[in-house]
Protein backbone atom coordinates (compact mmCIF):
# COMPACT_ATOMS: atom_id res chain seq x y z
CA MET A 1 2.11 42.22 51.49
CA GLY A 2 -0.84 41.51 49.61
CA LEU A 3 -2.44 44.45 47.75
CA LEU A 4 -5.52 44.44 49.92
CA SER A 5 -2.45 45.35 52.68
CA ASN A 6 -0.87 47.80 51.29
CA LEU A 7 -3.98 49.39 49.88
CA LEU A 8 -5.76 49.58 53.93
CA LEU A 9 -2.22 50.72 55.32
CA PHE A 10 -1.96 53.59 51.99
CA PRO A 11 -2.64 56.29 54.85
CA ILE A 12 -0.05 55.44 56.57
CA THR A 13 2.94 54.32 54.75
CA GLY A 14 2.21 57.25 52.25
CA PRO A 15 3.17 59.86 54.02
CA VAL A 16 5.92 58.25 55.27
CA HIS A 17 7.39 56.88 52.01
CA GLY A 18 6.40 60.45 50.54
CA VAL A 19 8.44 62.49 53.17
CA HIS A 20 11.33 60.21 52.57
CA PHE A 21 11.61 60.23 49.49
CA LEU A 22 11.96 64.27 50.06
CA LEU A 23 14.64 63.88 52.51
CA GLU A 24 16.59 61.90 49.59
CA GLN A 25 15.95 64.38 47.13
CA ILE A 26 17.20 67.05 50.28
CA GLN A 27 20.43 64.84 50.83
CA ALA A 28 20.91 65.03 46.76
CA GLN A 29 20.86 68.35 45.89
CA ALA A 30 22.71 69.40 49.45
CA ASN A 31 25.73 67.04 48.38
CA ALA A 32 25.91 68.46 44.76
CA GLU A 33 26.31 71.76 46.14
CA LEU A 34 28.69 71.07 48.85
CA LEU A 35 31.00 68.50 45.97
CA ASP A 36 31.08 71.37 43.30
CA GLU A 37 34.47 71.81 42.55
CA GLY A 38 33.73 74.51 39.87
CA ARG A 39 31.82 76.18 42.89
CA VAL A 40 35.01 76.85 44.47
CA GLN A 41 36.91 77.54 41.03
CA ALA A 42 34.71 80.66 40.11
CA GLU A 43 35.17 81.62 43.61
CA LEU A 44 38.92 81.61 43.54
CA MET A 45 38.62 83.59 40.04
CA SER A 46 36.28 85.87 42.23
CA LEU A 47 39.22 86.61 44.70
CA SER A 48 42.24 87.08 41.97
CA LEU A 49 39.81 89.45 40.33
CA ARG A 50 39.12 91.32 43.41
CA TYR A 51 42.66 91.02 44.41
CA ASP A 52 43.99 92.49 41.00
CA LEU A 53 41.59 95.00 40.92
CA GLY A 54 42.99 96.28 44.85
CA GLU A 55 39.74 95.80 46.76
CA ILE A 56 41.76 93.16 49.10
CA SER A 57 45.16 92.96 50.99
CA ASP A 58 47.86 90.70 50.14
CA ALA A 59 47.03 89.28 53.19
CA GLU A 60 43.58 88.86 52.74
CA TYR A 61 44.34 87.25 49.78
CA GLU A 62 46.97 85.00 50.58
CA GLU A 63 44.27 84.03 53.79
CA GLN A 64 41.01 83.57 51.63
CA GLU A 65 42.94 81.66 48.51
CA GLU A 66 44.70 79.28 51.14
CA ALA A 67 41.17 78.58 52.64
CA LEU A 68 39.74 78.04 49.22
CA PHE A 69 42.56 76.01 47.88
CA GLU A 70 41.76 73.70 51.33
CA GLU A 71 38.49 73.10 50.14
CA LEU A 72 39.02 72.39 47.26
CA ASN A 73 41.43 69.80 48.06
CA ALA A 74 39.69 68.22 50.52
CA ILE A 75 36.25 68.09 47.93
CA ARG A 76 38.49 66.48 45.54
CA ALA A 77 40.11 63.66 48.43
CA TYR A 78 36.33 63.02 49.60
CA LYS A 79 35.42 62.49 46.30
CA GLU A 80 38.33 60.03 45.79
CA GLU A 81 37.60 58.27 48.81
CA LEU A 82 33.75 57.52 47.25
CA LEU A 83 35.83 55.90 44.75
CA GLU A 84 38.06 53.41 46.67
CA PRO A 85 35.95 50.93 47.87
CA ASP A 86 34.66 50.13 44.81
CA ALA A 87 38.93 49.05 44.26
CA TYR A 88 39.26 47.43 47.43
CA LEU A 89 36.54 44.99 45.98
CA ASP A 90 37.98 44.38 42.73
CA ALA A 91 41.49 43.46 44.60
CA ASP A 92 39.25 40.82 46.57
CA GLU A 93 37.81 39.16 43.87
CA PRO A 94 40.43 36.14 42.60
């Protein structure tokens, strides 16, 4: 498109591009929070502290600890999955 058509269509395309940009930013922020290993590790430390202080029982501790380790392993597996396609591309090259 030329400059003139861009200027004429700006009232329509401007807000669309703005919303698209905002949605990309929201998705990036959500992914960063969901894939934060530090958050899960902090929850594990907090859980351990609560257990040491006697605030939760053995059964509660084991149940919550298992759930947090599963979440941590899922995050790590997803991150490894994101890196694997690059390895396949390199292997295909002669």
